[in-house]
Amino acid sequence: MITKDEIKPILKEKVLTVLFKKKDGTRREMICTLKNDLLPIVEQDPNKPKKAENPDVLPVWDLENKAFRSFRLDSIISYSLADEAAYEL
């Protein structure tokens, strides 16, 4: 199983296609990233308490749905580099 410490640096530099198993047992393929130049600008509300980070779940930017999504690290079936040029801003 890949760890958060292994995959997060890749996502900060690249766009990945991640295949994982959802909670309902179906498979989902997501093209995602954590590259700053592909993330939306999100203003943080200083009055809103910060959520505790779940070490087993990784939030990412879904480039097809243009929204933050997450998946469990132990549900990853495979991942590969995606065609990054298709998602350049």
PDB file of N, CA and C in Angstrom:
ATOM      1  N   MET A   1       0.843  -1.176   0.000  1.00  0.00           N
ATOM      2  CA  MET A   1       0.000   0.000   0.000  1.00  0.00           C
ATOM      3  C   MET A   1       0.891   1.243   0.000  1.00  0.00           C
ATOM      4  N   ILE A   2       0.548   2.208  -0.835  1.00  0.00           N
ATOM      5  CA  ILE A   2       1.286   3.470  -0.870  1.00  0.00           C
ATOM      6  C   ILE A   2       0.860   4.326   0.310  1.00  0.00           C
ATOM      7  N   THR A   3       1.794   5.066   0.835  1.00  0.00           N
ATOM      8  CA  THR A   3       1.494   5.928   1.980  1.00  0.00           C
ATOM      9  C   THR A   3       1.241   7.350   1.516  1.00  0.00           C
ATOM     10  N   LYS A   4       0.663   8.136   2.398  1.00  0.00           N
ATOM     11  CA  LYS A   4       0.396   9.544   2.101  1.00  0.00           C
ATOM     12  C   LYS A   4       1.720  10.278   1.847  1.00  0.00           C
ATOM     13  N   ASP A   5       2.746   9.930   2.618  1.00  0.00           N
ATOM     14  CA  ASP A   5       4.055  10.566   2.449  1.00  0.00           C
ATOM     15  C   ASP A   5       4.691  10.233   1.105  1.00  0.00           C
ATOM     16  N   GLU A   6       4.303   9.127   0.491  1.00  0.00           N
ATOM     17  CA  GLU A   6       4.847   8.742  -0.814  1.00  0.00           C
ATOM     18  C   GLU A   6       4.086   9.391  -1.970  1.00  0.00           C
ATOM     19  N   ILE A   7       2.755   9.432  -1.890  1.00  0.00           N
ATOM     20  CA  ILE A   7       1.965   9.902  -3.029  1.00  0.00           C
ATOM     21  C   ILE A   7       1.744  11.416  -3.037  1.00  0.00           C
ATOM     22  N   LYS A   8       1.703  12.034  -1.881  1.00  0.00           N
ATOM     23  CA  LYS A   8       1.426  13.472  -1.812  1.00  0.00           C
ATOM     24  C   LYS A   8       2.483  14.297  -2.555  1.00  0.00           C
ATOM     25  N   PRO A   9       3.782  14.029  -2.401  1.00  0.00           N
ATOM     26  CA  PRO A   9       4.775  14.801  -3.161  1.00  0.00           C
ATOM     27  C   PRO A   9       4.634  14.632  -4.676  1.00  0.00           C
ATOM     28  N   ILE A  10       4.219  13.469  -5.121  1.00  0.00           N
ATOM     29  CA  ILE A  10       4.003  13.239  -6.555  1.00  0.00           C
ATOM     30  C   ILE A  10       2.843  14.103  -7.033  1.00  0.00           C
ATOM     31  N   LEU A  11       1.755  14.113  -6.265  1.00  0.00           N
ATOM     32  CA  LEU A  11       0.580  14.899  -6.631  1.00  0.00           C
ATOM     33  C   LEU A  11       0.864  16.405  -6.601  1.00  0.00           C
ATOM     34  N   LYS A  12       1.816  16.841  -5.796  1.00  0.00           N
ATOM     35  CA  LYS A  12       2.162  18.262  -5.751  1.00  0.00           C
ATOM     36  C   LYS A  12       2.966  18.686  -6.983  1.00  0.00           C
ATOM     37  N   GLU A  13       3.528  17.704  -7.694  1.00  0.00           N
ATOM     38  CA  GLU A  13       4.334  17.986  -8.883  1.00  0.00           C
ATOM     39  C   GLU A  13       3.674  17.559 -10.185  1.00  0.00           C
ATOM     40  N   LYS A  14       2.775  16.578 -10.135  1.00  0.00           N
ATOM     41  CA  LYS A  14       2.215  15.950 -11.339  1.00  0.00           C
ATOM     42  C   LYS A  14       0.694  15.830 -11.265  1.00  0.00           C
ATOM     43  N   VAL A  15       0.123  15.399 -12.387  1.00  0.00           N
ATOM     44  CA  VAL A  15      -1.292  15.039 -12.468  1.00  0.00           C
ATOM     45  C   VAL A  15      -1.339  13.525 -12.582  1.00  0.00           C
ATOM     46  N   LEU A  16      -2.130  12.894 -11.730  1.00  0.00           N
ATOM     47  CA  LEU A  16      -2.224  11.433 -11.727  1.00  0.00           C
ATOM     48  C   LEU A  16      -3.625  10.964 -12.079  1.00  0.00           C
ATOM     49  N   THR A  17      -3.681   9.790 -12.677  1.00  0.00           N
ATOM     50  CA  THR A  17      -4.933   9.061 -12.825  1.00  0.00           C
ATOM     51  C   THR A  17      -4.900   7.994 -11.743  1.00  0.00           C
ATOM     52  N   VAL A  18      -5.848   8.077 -10.828  1.00  0.00           N
ATOM     53  CA  VAL A  18      -5.895   7.150  -9.692  1.00  0.00           C
ATOM     54  C   VAL A  18      -7.136   6.273  -9.841  1.00  0.00           C
ATOM     55  N   LEU A  19      -6.940   4.969  -9.802  1.00  0.00           N
ATOM     56  CA  LEU A  19      -8.043   4.010  -9.804  1.00  0.00           C
ATOM     57  C   LEU A  19      -8.171   3.490  -8.385  1.00  0.00           C
ATOM     58  N   PHE A  20      -9.379   3.613  -7.830  1.00  0.00           N
ATOM     59  CA  PHE A  20      -9.586   3.161  -6.454  1.00  0.00           C
ATOM     60  C   PHE A  20     -10.971   2.562  -6.308  1.00  0.00           C
ATOM     61  N   LYS A  21     -11.156   1.842  -5.220  1.00  0.00           N
ATOM     62  CA  LYS A  21     -12.447   1.229  -4.922  1.00  0.00           C
ATOM     63  C   LYS A  21     -13.198   2.115  -3.939  1.00  0.00           C
ATOM     64  N   LYS A  22     -14.409   2.508  -4.317  1.00  0.00           N
ATOM     65  CA  LYS A  22     -15.242   3.339  -3.458  1.00  0.00           C
ATOM     66  C   LYS A  22     -15.828   2.502  -2.320  1.00  0.00           C
ATOM     67  N   LYS A  23     -16.402   3.166  -1.344  1.00  0.00           N
ATOM     68  CA  LYS A  23     -16.996   2.468  -0.191  1.00  0.00           C
ATOM     69  C   LYS A  23     -18.068   1.468  -0.610  1.00  0.00           C
ATOM     70  N   ASP A  24     -18.820   1.806  -1.692  1.00  0.00           N
ATOM     71  CA  ASP A  24     -19.889   0.913  -2.143  1.00  0.00           C
ATOM     72  C   ASP A  24     -19.369  -0.256  -2.983  1.00  0.00           C
ATOM     73  N   GLY A  25     -18.048  -0.350  -3.158  1.00  0.00           N
ATOM     74  CA  GLY A  25     -17.450  -1.461  -3.878  1.00  0.00           C
ATOM     75  C   GLY A  25     -17.195  -1.194  -5.356  1.00  0.00           C
ATOM     76  N   THR A  26     -17.740  -0.103  -5.895  1.00  0.00           N
ATOM     77  CA  THR A  26     -17.509   0.207  -7.303  1.00  0.00           C
ATOM     78  C   THR A  26     -16.116   0.829  -7.466  1.00  0.00           C
ATOM     79  N   ARG A  27     -15.613   0.730  -8.696  1.00  0.00           N
ATOM     80  CA  ARG A  27     -14.317   1.318  -8.997  1.00  0.00           C
ATOM     81  C   ARG A  27     -14.504   2.705  -9.591  1.00  0.00           C
ATOM     82  N   ARG A  28     -13.581   3.581  -9.256  1.00  0.00           N
ATOM     83  CA  ARG A  28     -13.647   4.945  -9.782  1.00  0.00           C
ATOM     84  C   ARG A  28     -12.262   5.344 -10.228  1.00  0.00           C
ATOM     85  N   GLU A  29     -12.206   5.965 -11.402  1.00  0.00           N
ATOM     86  CA  GLU A  29     -10.960   6.507 -11.903  1.00  0.00           C
ATOM     87  C   GLU A  29     -11.049   8.019 -11.817  1.00  0.00           C
ATOM     88  N   MET A  30     -10.051   8.632 -11.206  1.00  0.00           N
ATOM     89  CA  MET A  30     -10.073  10.075 -11.015  1.00  0.00           C
ATOM     90  C   MET A  30      -8.755  10.667 -11.499  1.00  0.00           C
ATOM     91  N   ILE A  31      -8.859  11.747 -12.261  1.00  0.00           N
ATOM     92  CA  ILE A  31      -7.680  12.491 -12.672  1.00  0.00           C
ATOM     93  C   ILE A  31      -7.555  13.631 -11.680  1.00  0.00           C
ATOM     94  N   CYS A  32      -6.448  13.630 -10.934  1.00  0.00           N
ATOM     95  CA  CYS A  32      -6.347  14.542  -9.803  1.00  0.00           C
ATOM     96  C   CYS A  32      -4.934  15.073  -9.623  1.00  0.00           C
ATOM     97  N   THR A  33      -4.838  16.101  -8.797  1.00  0.00           N
ATOM     98  CA  THR A  33      -3.551  16.727  -8.528  1.00  0.00           C
ATOM     99  C   THR A  33      -3.602  17.515  -7.229  1.00  0.00           C
ATOM    100  N   LEU A  34      -2.427  17.962  -6.812  1.00  0.00           N
ATOM    101  CA  LEU A  34      -2.283  18.938  -5.730  1.00  0.00           C
ATOM    102  C   LEU A  34      -1.332  20.052  -6.173  1.00  0.00           C
ATOM    103  N   LYS A  35      -1.112  20.167  -7.497  1.00  0.00           N
ATOM    104  CA  LYS A  35      -0.240  21.209  -8.036  1.00  0.00           C
ATOM    105  C   LYS A  35      -0.863  22.570  -7.791  1.00  0.00           C
ATOM    106  N   ASN A  36      -0.103  23.475  -7.194  1.00  0.00           N
ATOM    107  CA  ASN A  36      -0.621  24.801  -6.848  1.00  0.00           C
ATOM    108  C   ASN A  36      -1.191  25.541  -8.048  1.00  0.00           C
ATOM    109  N   ASP A  37      -0.557  25.432  -9.219  1.00  0.00           N
ATOM    110  CA  ASP A  37      -1.028  26.191 -10.375  1.00  0.00           C
ATOM    111  C   ASP A  37      -2.308  25.623 -10.979  1.00  0.00           C
ATOM    112  N   LEU A  38      -2.760  24.456 -10.526  1.00  0.00           N
ATOM    113  CA  LEU A  38      -4.007  23.868 -11.007  1.00  0.00           C
ATOM    114  C   LEU A  38      -5.111  23.879  -9.951  1.00  0.00           C
ATOM    115  N   LEU A  39      -4.787  24.323  -8.738  1.00  0.00           N
ATOM    116  CA  LEU A  39      -5.766  24.390  -7.649  1.00  0.00           C
ATOM    117  C   LEU A  39      -6.499  25.731  -7.677  1.00  0.00           C
ATOM    118  N   PRO A  40      -7.756  25.736  -7.245  1.00  0.00           N
ATOM    119  CA  PRO A  40      -8.474  27.007  -7.158  1.00  0.00           C
ATOM    120  C   PRO A  40      -7.962  27.820  -5.971  1.00  0.00           C
ATOM    121  N   ILE A  41      -8.198  29.108  -6.026  1.00  0.00           N
ATOM    122  CA  ILE A  41      -7.854  29.963  -4.892  1.00  0.00           C
ATOM    123  C   ILE A  41      -9.008  29.867  -3.900  1.00  0.00           C
ATOM    124  N   VAL A  42      -8.699  29.403  -2.715  1.00  0.00           N
ATOM    125  CA  VAL A  42      -9.724  29.207  -1.686  1.00  0.00           C
ATOM    126  C   VAL A  42      -9.373  30.082  -0.495  1.00  0.00           C
ATOM    127  N   GLU A  43     -10.299  30.940  -0.130  1.00  0.00           N
ATOM    128  CA  GLU A  43     -10.094  31.781   1.047  1.00  0.00           C
ATOM    129  C   GLU A  43     -10.568  31.037   2.282  1.00  0.00           C
ATOM    130  N   GLN A  44      -9.713  31.018   3.290  1.00  0.00           N
ATOM    131  CA  GLN A  44     -10.033  30.339   4.532  1.00  0.00           C
ATOM    132  C   GLN A  44     -10.766  31.294   5.461  1.00  0.00           C
ATOM    133  N   ASP A  45     -11.820  30.801   6.078  1.00  0.00           N
ATOM    134  CA  ASP A  45     -12.540  31.581   7.083  1.00  0.00           C
ATOM    135  C   ASP A  45     -11.788  31.421   8.410  1.00  0.00           C
ATOM    136  N   PRO A  46     -11.217  32.511   8.932  1.00  0.00           N
ATOM    137  CA  PRO A  46     -10.439  32.388  10.171  1.00  0.00           C
ATOM    138  C   PRO A  46     -11.281  31.973  11.374  1.00  0.00           C
ATOM    139  N   ASN A  47     -12.603  32.139  11.288  1.00  0.00           N
ATOM    140  CA  ASN A  47     -13.474  31.770  12.406  1.00  0.00           C
ATOM    141  C   ASN A  47     -13.919  30.314  12.351  1.00  0.00           C
ATOM    142  N   LYS A  48     -13.693  29.677  11.215  1.00  0.00           N
ATOM    143  CA  LYS A  48     -14.112  28.287  11.054  1.00  0.00           C
ATOM    144  C   LYS A  48     -13.015  27.360  11.583  1.00  0.00           C
ATOM    145  N   PRO A  49     -13.379  26.458  12.487  1.00  0.00           N
ATOM    146  CA  PRO A  49     -12.358  25.544  13.026  1.00  0.00           C
ATOM    147  C   PRO A  49     -11.826  24.622  11.927  1.00  0.00           C
ATOM    148  N   LYS A  50     -10.549  24.338  12.010  1.00  0.00           N
ATOM    149  CA  LYS A  50      -9.910  23.481  11.027  1.00  0.00           C
ATOM    150  C   LYS A  50     -10.252  22.017  11.326  1.00  0.00           C
ATOM    151  N   LYS A  51     -10.575  21.274  10.249  1.00  0.00           N
ATOM    152  CA  LYS A  51     -10.896  19.852  10.408  1.00  0.00           C
ATOM    153  C   LYS A  51      -9.641  19.062  10.752  1.00  0.00           C
ATOM    154  N   ALA A  52      -9.808  18.050  11.572  1.00  0.00           N
ATOM    155  CA  ALA A  52      -8.697  17.154  11.874  1.00  0.00           C
ATOM    156  C   ALA A  52      -8.385  16.326  10.631  1.00  0.00           C
ATOM    157  N   GLU A  53      -7.117  16.166  10.343  1.00  0.00           N
ATOM    158  CA  GLU A  53      -6.698  15.425   9.162  1.00  0.00           C
ATOM    159  C   GLU A  53      -6.753  13.927   9.440  1.00  0.00           C
ATOM    160  N   ASN A  54      -7.415  13.197   8.545  1.00  0.00           N
ATOM    161  CA  ASN A  54      -7.479  11.747   8.651  1.00  0.00           C
ATOM    162  C   ASN A  54      -6.253  11.172   7.939  1.00  0.00           C
ATOM    163  N   PRO A  55      -5.378  10.442   8.636  1.00  0.00           N
ATOM    164  CA  PRO A  55      -4.160   9.926   8.005  1.00  0.00           C
ATOM    165  C   PRO A  55      -4.422   8.875   6.924  1.00  0.00           C
ATOM    166  N   ASP A  56      -5.622   8.315   6.885  1.00  0.00           N
ATOM    167  CA  ASP A  56      -5.952   7.270   5.915  1.00  0.00           C
ATOM    168  C   ASP A  56      -6.629   7.800   4.659  1.00  0.00           C
ATOM    169  N   VAL A  57      -6.952   9.100   4.631  1.00  0.00           N
ATOM    170  CA  VAL A  57      -7.704   9.702   3.523  1.00  0.00           C
ATOM    171  C   VAL A  57      -6.884  10.839   2.927  1.00  0.00           C
ATOM    172  N   LEU A  58      -6.905  10.935   1.592  1.00  0.00           N
ATOM    173  CA  LEU A  58      -6.172  11.993   0.921  1.00  0.00           C
ATOM    174  C   LEU A  58      -7.112  12.861   0.097  1.00  0.00           C
ATOM    175  N   PRO A  59      -7.261  14.135   0.475  1.00  0.00           N
ATOM    176  CA  PRO A  59      -8.056  15.053  -0.347  1.00  0.00           C
ATOM    177  C   PRO A  59      -7.204  15.542  -1.519  1.00  0.00           C
ATOM    178  N   VAL A  60      -7.818  15.604  -2.702  1.00  0.00           N
ATOM    179  CA  VAL A  60      -7.141  16.032  -3.925  1.00  0.00           C
ATOM    180  C   VAL A  60      -8.091  16.896  -4.746  1.00  0.00           C
ATOM    181  N   TRP A  61      -7.573  17.575  -5.761  1.00  0.00           N
ATOM    182  CA  TRP A  61      -8.393  18.339  -6.683  1.00  0.00           C
ATOM    183  C   TRP A  61      -8.722  17.456  -7.871  1.00  0.00           C
ATOM    184  N   ASP A  62     -10.004  17.170  -8.080  1.00  0.00           N
ATOM    185  CA  ASP A  62     -10.491  16.368  -9.206  1.00  0.00           C
ATOM    186  C   ASP A  62     -10.585  17.299 -10.409  1.00  0.00           C
ATOM    187  N   LEU A  63      -9.724  17.082 -11.406  1.00  0.00           N
ATOM    188  CA  LEU A  63      -9.646  17.984 -12.550  1.00  0.00           C
ATOM    189  C   LEU A  63     -10.835  17.859 -13.495  1.00  0.00           C
ATOM    190  N   GLU A  64     -11.498  16.740 -13.512  1.00  0.00           N
ATOM    191  CA  GLU A  64     -12.663  16.580 -14.389  1.00  0.00           C
ATOM    192  C   GLU A  64     -13.918  17.208 -13.774  1.00  0.00           C
ATOM    193  N   ASN A  65     -14.101  17.021 -12.478  1.00  0.00           N
ATOM    194  CA  ASN A  65     -15.281  17.562 -11.802  1.00  0.00           C
ATOM    195  C   ASN A  65     -15.044  18.946 -11.215  1.00  0.00           C
ATOM    196  N   LYS A  66     -13.802  19.404 -11.267  1.00  0.00           N
ATOM    197  CA  LYS A  66     -13.436  20.728 -10.746  1.00  0.00           C
ATOM    198  C   LYS A  66     -13.929  20.936  -9.315  1.00  0.00           C
ATOM    199  N   ALA A  67     -13.557  19.962  -8.467  1.00  0.00           N
ATOM    200  CA  ALA A  67     -13.950  20.010  -7.058  1.00  0.00           C
ATOM    201  C   ALA A  67     -12.966  19.175  -6.243  1.00  0.00           C
ATOM    202  N   PHE A  68     -12.882  19.491  -4.957  1.00  0.00           N
ATOM    203  CA  PHE A  68     -12.068  18.655  -4.085  1.00  0.00           C
ATOM    204  C   PHE A  68     -12.810  17.359  -3.816  1.00  0.00           C
ATOM    205  N   ARG A  69     -12.086  16.263  -3.910  1.00  0.00           N
ATOM    206  CA  ARG A  69     -12.595  14.928  -3.610  1.00  0.00           C
ATOM    207  C   ARG A  69     -11.517  14.227  -2.786  1.00  0.00           C
ATOM    208  N   SER A  70     -11.858  13.099  -2.223  1.00  0.00           N
ATOM    209  CA  SER A  70     -10.860  12.350  -1.460  1.00  0.00           C
ATOM    210  C   SER A  70     -11.060  10.861  -1.653  1.00  0.00           C
ATOM    211  N   PHE A  71     -10.018  10.123  -1.341  1.00  0.00           N
ATOM    212  CA  PHE A  71     -10.082   8.665  -1.389  1.00  0.00           C
ATOM    213  C   PHE A  71      -9.220   8.104  -0.273  1.00  0.00           C
ATOM    214  N   ARG A  72      -9.567   6.907   0.115  1.00  0.00           N
ATOM    215  CA  ARG A  72      -8.798   6.217   1.144  1.00  0.00           C
ATOM    216  C   ARG A  72      -7.546   5.629   0.504  1.00  0.00           C
ATOM    217  N   LEU A  73      -6.427   5.773   1.168  1.00  0.00           N
ATOM    218  CA  LEU A  73      -5.168   5.272   0.624  1.00  0.00           C
ATOM    219  C   LEU A  73      -5.182   3.760   0.444  1.00  0.00           C
ATOM    220  N   ASP A  74      -5.864   3.049   1.351  1.00  0.00           N
ATOM    221  CA  ASP A  74      -5.904   1.587   1.237  1.00  0.00           C
ATOM    222  C   ASP A  74      -6.863   1.105   0.157  1.00  0.00           C
ATOM    223  N   SER A  75      -7.578   2.036  -0.498  1.00  0.00           N
ATOM    224  CA  SER A  75      -8.502   1.647  -1.566  1.00  0.00           C
ATOM    225  C   SER A  75      -7.887   1.811  -2.959  1.00  0.00           C
ATOM    226  N   ILE A  76      -6.659   2.346  -3.028  1.00  0.00           N
ATOM    227  CA  ILE A  76      -6.013   2.564  -4.323  1.00  0.00           C
ATOM    228  C   ILE A  76      -5.679   1.222  -4.961  1.00  0.00           C
ATOM    229  N   ILE A  77      -6.142   1.059  -6.198  1.00  0.00           N
ATOM    230  CA  ILE A  77      -5.840  -0.135  -6.979  1.00  0.00           C
ATOM    231  C   ILE A  77      -4.594   0.119  -7.825  1.00  0.00           C
ATOM    232  N   SER A  78      -4.551   1.299  -8.474  1.00  0.00           N
ATOM    233  CA  SER A  78      -3.388   1.667  -9.275  1.00  0.00           C
ATOM    234  C   SER A  78      -3.378   3.173  -9.485  1.00  0.00           C
ATOM    235  N   TYR A  79      -2.243   3.685  -9.914  1.00  0.00           N
ATOM    236  CA  TYR A  79      -2.141   5.084 -10.283  1.00  0.00           C
ATOM    237  C   TYR A  79      -1.064   5.227 -11.350  1.00  0.00           C
ATOM    238  N   SER A  80      -1.220   6.253 -12.187  1.00  0.00           N
ATOM    239  CA  SER A  80      -0.253   6.504 -13.245  1.00  0.00           C
ATOM    240  C   SER A  80      -0.272   7.989 -13.584  1.00  0.00           C
ATOM    241  N   LEU A  81       0.749   8.435 -14.288  1.00  0.00           N
ATOM    242  CA  LEU A  81       0.794   9.827 -14.717  1.00  0.00           C
ATOM    243  C   LEU A  81      -0.287  10.063 -15.751  1.00  0.00           C
ATOM    244  N   ALA A  82      -0.990  11.177 -15.630  1.00  0.00           N
ATOM    245  CA  ALA A  82      -2.033  11.547 -16.582  1.00  0.00           C
ATOM    246  C   ALA A  82      -1.447  12.528 -17.589  1.00  0.00           C
ATOM    247  N   ASP A  83      -2.205  12.801 -18.637  1.00  0.00           N
ATOM    248  CA  ASP A  83      -1.799  13.779 -19.643  1.00  0.00           C
ATOM    249  C   ASP A  83      -1.981  15.172 -19.056  1.00  0.00           C
ATOM    250  N   GLU A  84      -0.944  15.670 -18.474  1.00  0.00           N
ATOM    251  CA  GLU A  84      -1.003  16.939 -17.744  1.00  0.00           C
ATOM    252  C   GLU A  84      -1.338  18.111 -18.659  1.00  0.00           C
ATOM    253  N   ALA A  85      -0.900  18.077 -19.899  1.00  0.00           N
ATOM    254  CA  ALA A  85      -1.118  19.192 -20.824  1.00  0.00           C
ATOM    255  C   ALA A  85      -2.600  19.460 -21.050  1.00  0.00           C
ATOM    256  N   ALA A  86      -3.434  18.457 -20.929  1.00  0.00           N
ATOM    257  CA  ALA A  86      -4.860  18.619 -21.130  1.00  0.00           C
ATOM    258  C   ALA A  86      -5.505  19.468 -20.030  1.00  0.00           C
ATOM    259  N   TYR A  87      -4.805  19.659 -18.927  1.00  0.00           N
ATOM    260  CA  TYR A  87      -5.382  20.359 -17.783  1.00  0.00           C
ATOM    261  C   TYR A  87      -4.618  21.633 -17.412  1.00  0.00           C
ATOM    262  N   GLU A  88      -3.666  22.039 -18.235  1.00  0.00           N
ATOM    263  CA  GLU A  88      -2.940  23.283 -17.964  1.00  0.00           C
ATOM    264  C   GLU A  88      -3.888  24.456 -18.046  1.00  0.00           C
ATOM    265  N   LEU A  89      -3.698  25.443 -17.208  1.00  0.00           N
ATOM    266  CA  LEU A  89      -4.541  26.649 -17.213  1.00  0.00           C
ATOM    267  C   LEU A  89      -4.014  27.656 -18.216  1.00  0.00           C
TER     268      LEU A  89
END
